[in-house]
């Protein structure tokens, strides 16, 4: 006969008690994993919101920079050469853009699945800056943490526009009392044009007012701007820098 095997009653009881503990431990680990996943979801949403805020702030600042360059160009073509006006434009002082740069902030935020909040685009000055607050369009989503399905992330960023150039005052104009006479008391030009010099009246040969050349120093580099040859006028990024700031 085959001998009968008997289980020790104590061993059978220990196995029965360990099973609920095992189930509880697995459930706890599963909950922890789901909680970590929810934290990851929230972090991803927050990072997306920050990306949108950065893009929105930079978009507003770059639009302002482009308009500021045009304002400077218009001033030069309009023969505005006084030092204070040019210095103000180079620093963004007293400049009123034709369109609201914050419209660009909303566009860039929307491209990154976010919206600029009410009053979320705030311009600042000296240096010119734009602080933008956005809210993500998508919520964190359902998770083991209650309330995340309706929770949206918010983020804020600040972009600064700073000048790269300073105005360099032109050399002093010739003394208007100097009639160009030589040692013999008469200038050679007097015989040809009745005592008038070619440029003595501030006009070119066609009778038009000459527009003075503008000198800028951009990060240590001298740049000469001739109003008659504005095809060489510097780009906006060469005149002003745009960067994120805390």
Protein backbone atom coordinates (compact mmCIF):
# COMPACT_ATOMS: atom_id res chain seq x y z
CA UNK A 1 0.00 0.00 0.00
CA UNK A 2 1.11 3.57 -0.77
CA UNK A 3 1.76 5.43 2.40
CA UNK A 4 -0.68 8.30 2.99
CA UNK A 5 0.80 11.78 3.22
CA UNK A 6 -0.43 14.10 5.88
CA UNK A 7 -0.10 17.92 5.85
CA UNK A 8 0.91 19.55 9.00
CA UNK A 9 -2.10 21.63 10.05
CA UNK A 10 0.15 24.55 11.09
CA UNK A 11 1.81 24.83 7.66
CA UNK A 12 -1.53 24.88 5.90
CA UNK A 13 -2.73 27.73 8.14
CA UNK A 14 0.41 29.83 7.47
CA UNK A 15 -0.09 29.55 3.71
CA UNK A 16 -3.69 30.68 4.03
CA UNK A 17 -2.70 33.72 6.11
CA UNK A 18 0.08 34.80 3.68
CA UNK A 19 -2.23 34.97 0.69
CA UNK A 20 -4.20 38.08 1.79
CA UNK A 21 -0.92 39.83 2.64
CA UNK A 22 0.38 39.06 -0.82
CA UNK A 23 -2.77 40.44 -2.42
CA UNK A 24 -2.56 43.60 -0.30
CA UNK A 25 1.09 44.16 -1.25
CA UNK A 26 0.35 43.75 -4.97
CA UNK A 27 -2.57 46.15 -4.72
CA UNK A 28 -0.39 48.70 -2.92
CA UNK A 29 2.31 48.47 -5.57
CA UNK A 30 -0.28 48.85 -8.30
CA UNK A 31 -1.75 51.94 -6.64
CA UNK A 32 1.73 53.42 -6.25
CA UNK A 33 2.43 52.82 -9.94
CA UNK A 34 -0.83 54.50 -10.91
CA UNK A 35 -0.08 57.42 -8.60
CA UNK A 36 3.36 57.85 -10.17
CA UNK A 37 1.73 57.75 -13.59
CA UNK A 38 -0.65 60.52 -12.51
CA UNK A 39 2.30 62.60 -11.31
CA UNK A 40 3.94 62.01 -14.68
CA UNK A 41 0.78 63.14 -16.46
CA UNK A 42 0.69 66.31 -14.39
CA UNK A 43 4.37 66.96 -15.06
CA UNK A 44 3.95 66.51 -18.79
CA UNK A 45 0.99 68.89 -18.82
CA UNK A 46 2.96 71.42 -16.78
CA UNK A 47 5.94 71.17 -19.14
CA UNK A 48 3.65 71.66 -22.11
CA UNK A 49 2.21 74.77 -20.48
CA UNK A 50 5.68 76.17 -19.82
CA UNK A 51 6.66 75.58 -23.44
CA UNK A 52 3.55 77.45 -24.54
CA UNK A 53 4.29 80.33 -22.16
CA UNK A 54 7.88 80.61 -23.38
CA UNK A 55 6.77 80.61 -27.02
CA UNK A 56 4.05 83.19 -26.34
CA UNK A 57 6.37 85.58 -24.52
CA UNK A 58 9.06 85.28 -27.20
CA UNK A 59 6.46 85.75 -29.93
CA UNK A 60 5.25 89.01 -28.40
CA UNK A 61 8.79 90.29 -27.86
CA UNK A 62 9.89 89.41 -31.40
CA UNK A 63 6.85 91.13 -32.90
CA UNK A 64 7.62 94.25 -30.87
CA UNK A 65 11.26 94.07 -32.01
CA UNK A 66 10.22 93.92 -35.66
CA UNK A 67 7.95 96.95 -35.24
CA UNK A 68 10.66 98.79 -33.34
CA UNK A 69 13.09 98.28 -36.22
CA UNK A 70 10.53 99.75 -38.62
CA UNK A 71 10.01 102.70 -36.28
CA UNK A 72 13.75 103.34 -36.25
CA UNK A 73 13.88 103.03 -40.03
CA UNK A 74 11.00 105.48 -40.44
CA UNK A 75 12.74 107.94 -38.15
CA UNK A 76 15.96 107.78 -40.16
CA UNK A 77 14.22 108.14 -43.51
CA UNK A 78 12.34 111.08 -42.03
CA UNK A 79 15.69 112.75 -41.31
CA UNK A 80 15.29 112.53 -37.53
CA UNK A 81 18.87 112.79 -36.39
CA UNK A 82 18.75 114.29 -32.90
CA UNK A 83 20.59 112.08 -30.47
CA UNK A 84 17.84 111.80 -27.86
CA UNK A 85 15.19 110.60 -30.32
CA UNK A 86 17.44 107.94 -31.81
CA UNK A 87 18.66 106.80 -28.39
CA UNK A 88 15.04 106.51 -27.22
CA UNK A 89 14.12 104.37 -30.23
CA UNK A 90 17.17 102.17 -29.78
CA UNK A 91 16.00 101.54 -26.21
CA UNK A 92 12.29 101.22 -27.03
CA UNK A 93 11.33 104.35 -25.13
CA UNK A 94 8.32 106.29 -26.32
CA UNK A 95 7.61 103.83 -29.11
CA UNK A 96 3.97 102.89 -29.71
CA UNK A 97 3.57 99.87 -32.00
CA UNK A 98 0.83 99.96 -34.61
CA UNK A 99 -0.40 96.48 -33.69
CA UNK A 100 -0.58 94.81 -30.30
CA UNK A 101 2.34 92.38 -29.85
CA UNK A 102 0.19 90.41 -27.42
CA UNK A 103 -1.85 89.19 -30.37
CA UNK A 104 1.22 87.21 -31.37
CA UNK A 105 1.45 85.85 -27.83
CA UNK A 106 -2.02 84.33 -28.16
CA UNK A 107 -1.19 82.85 -31.56
CA UNK A 108 1.95 81.12 -30.31
CA UNK A 109 0.16 79.89 -27.19
CA UNK A 110 -2.59 78.39 -29.34
CA UNK A 111 -0.04 76.62 -31.51
CA UNK A 112 1.14 74.90 -28.31
CA UNK A 113 -2.35 73.92 -27.08
CA UNK A 114 -2.70 76.72 -24.54
CA UNK A 115 -4.48 80.05 -24.12
CA UNK A 116 -3.26 83.35 -22.75
CA UNK A 117 -5.31 84.10 -19.66
CA UNK A 118 -7.22 87.34 -19.23
CA UNK A 119 -4.65 90.05 -18.66
CA UNK A 120 -1.97 87.43 -19.14
CA UNK A 121 0.19 89.49 -21.51
CA UNK A 122 1.71 92.41 -19.65
CA UNK A 123 4.25 94.72 -21.35
CA UNK A 124 7.01 96.28 -19.30
CA UNK A 125 9.59 98.89 -20.18
CA UNK A 126 13.26 99.73 -19.71
CA UNK A 127 14.16 97.18 -20.80
CA UNK A 128 11.08 96.36 -22.83
CA UNK A 129 9.62 93.05 -21.71
CA UNK A 130 6.50 90.91 -22.04
CA UNK A 131 5.27 88.69 -19.22
CA UNK A 132 2.75 86.10 -20.41
CA UNK A 133 0.60 83.69 -18.39
CA UNK A 134 -1.06 80.77 -20.14
CA UNK A 135 -3.38 77.91 -19.28
CA UNK A 136 -3.28 74.59 -21.10
CA UNK A 137 -6.29 73.69 -23.19
CA UNK A 138 -6.12 70.04 -22.13
CA UNK A 139 -6.57 68.88 -18.55
CA UNK A 140 -4.27 66.43 -16.83
CA UNK A 141 -6.81 63.63 -17.40
CA UNK A 142 -8.31 60.86 -15.29
CA UNK A 143 -6.10 59.22 -12.72
CA UNK A 144 -6.20 57.65 -9.26
CA UNK A 145 -5.86 61.16 -7.83
CA UNK A 146 -9.32 62.83 -7.63
CA UNK A 147 -9.89 66.04 -9.57
CA UNK A 148 -7.16 65.68 -12.17
CA UNK A 149 -9.66 65.16 -14.98
CA UNK A 150 -10.58 68.88 -14.80
CA UNK A 151 -7.22 70.25 -13.71
CA UNK A 152 -5.42 72.51 -16.22
CA UNK A 153 -1.81 73.60 -15.89
CA UNK A 154 -0.77 77.24 -15.80
CA UNK A 155 2.65 78.66 -16.56
CA UNK A 156 4.29 82.06 -16.91
CA UNK A 157 7.27 83.34 -18.90
CA UNK A 158 8.99 86.67 -19.45
CA UNK A 159 10.81 87.73 -22.61
CA UNK A 160 13.03 90.81 -22.74
CA UNK A 161 13.95 93.05 -25.68
CA UNK A 162 17.34 94.69 -25.20
CA UNK A 163 19.32 97.01 -27.49
CA UNK A 164 22.50 95.83 -29.12
CA UNK A 165 23.40 99.26 -30.50
CA UNK A 166 24.03 102.81 -29.33
CA UNK A 167 23.83 106.00 -31.34
CA UNK A 168 27.11 107.56 -32.37
CA UNK A 169 26.86 111.30 -32.84
CA UNK A 170 28.18 112.48 -36.23
CA UNK A 171 31.30 114.58 -36.55
CA UNK A 172 30.72 118.35 -36.27
CA UNK A 173 29.65 120.02 -39.49
CA UNK A 174 32.02 122.51 -41.15
CA UNK A 175 31.88 126.09 -39.94
CA UNK A 176 29.23 127.84 -42.07
CA UNK A 177 31.22 131.09 -41.86
CA UNK A 178 34.08 129.43 -43.73
CA UNK A 179 33.61 130.58 -47.35
CA UNK A 180 36.39 128.41 -48.69
CA UNK A 181 38.75 131.30 -49.54
CA UNK A 182 42.39 130.46 -49.90
CA UNK A 183 45.52 132.48 -48.98
CA UNK A 184 45.01 134.90 -51.88
CA UNK A 185 41.60 135.86 -50.50
CA UNK A 186 39.61 134.17 -53.23
CA UNK A 187 38.47 130.59 -53.53
CA UNK A 188 38.76 128.77 -56.81
CA UNK A 189 35.08 127.91 -56.71
CA UNK A 190 34.10 131.57 -56.62
CA UNK A 191 35.08 131.96 -60.24
CA UNK A 192 32.98 129.05 -61.38
CA UNK A 193 29.69 129.39 -59.54
CA UNK A 194 29.51 132.86 -58.25
CA UNK A 195 30.92 132.09 -54.81
CA UNK A 196 28.69 129.16 -54.07
CA UNK A 197 30.12 125.78 -53.07
CA UNK A 198 28.70 122.51 -54.25
CA UNK A 199 27.28 121.56 -50.87
CA UNK A 200 27.16 124.85 -49.05
CA UNK A 201 23.40 124.99 -48.90
CA UNK A 202 22.89 121.43 -47.59
CA UNK A 203 21.42 120.23 -50.86
CA UNK A 204 22.65 117.78 -53.43
CA UNK A 205 23.00 118.53 -57.12
CA UNK A 206 19.30 117.89 -57.72
CA UNK A 207 18.30 120.52 -55.17
CA UNK A 208 17.05 117.97 -52.61
CA UNK A 209 17.93 118.08 -48.94
CA UNK A 210 20.71 115.68 -48.12
CA UNK A 211 19.91 113.17 -45.39
CA UNK A 212 22.79 112.77 -42.98
CA UNK A 213 24.53 109.45 -42.48
CA UNK A 214 23.73 107.74 -39.17
CA UNK A 215 26.40 106.04 -37.11
CA UNK A 216 25.66 103.15 -34.73
CA UNK A 217 27.92 101.07 -32.52
CA UNK A 218 26.51 97.56 -32.24
CA UNK A 219 28.29 95.41 -29.67
CA UNK A 220 31.58 97.12 -30.42
CA UNK A 221 31.15 97.12 -34.20
CA UNK A 222 30.71 100.40 -36.08
CA UNK A 223 27.76 100.43 -38.48
CA UNK A 224 27.11 103.29 -40.87
CA UNK A 225 23.55 103.77 -42.12
CA UNK A 226 23.12 105.79 -45.28
CA UNK A 227 19.48 106.92 -45.64
CA UNK A 228 19.96 106.81 -49.41
CA UNK A 229 20.96 103.13 -49.36
CA UNK A 230 18.67 101.47 -46.83
CA UNK A 231 19.02 98.08 -48.48
CA UNK A 232 21.94 97.63 -46.06
CA UNK A 233 19.88 98.56 -43.00
CA UNK A 234 20.54 96.01 -40.20
CA UNK A 235 18.04 93.26 -39.41
CA UNK A 236 15.96 93.48 -36.25
CA UNK A 237 17.99 90.71 -34.59
CA UNK A 238 21.17 92.73 -35.21
CA UNK A 239 19.69 95.81 -33.56
CA UNK A 240 17.89 94.18 -30.62
CA UNK A 241 18.23 90.92 -28.73
CA UNK A 242 15.29 88.89 -27.46
CA UNK A 243 15.68 86.35 -24.66
CA UNK A 244 13.79 84.75 -21.81
CA UNK A 245 14.34 86.09 -18.32
CA UNK A 246 13.33 85.07 -14.81
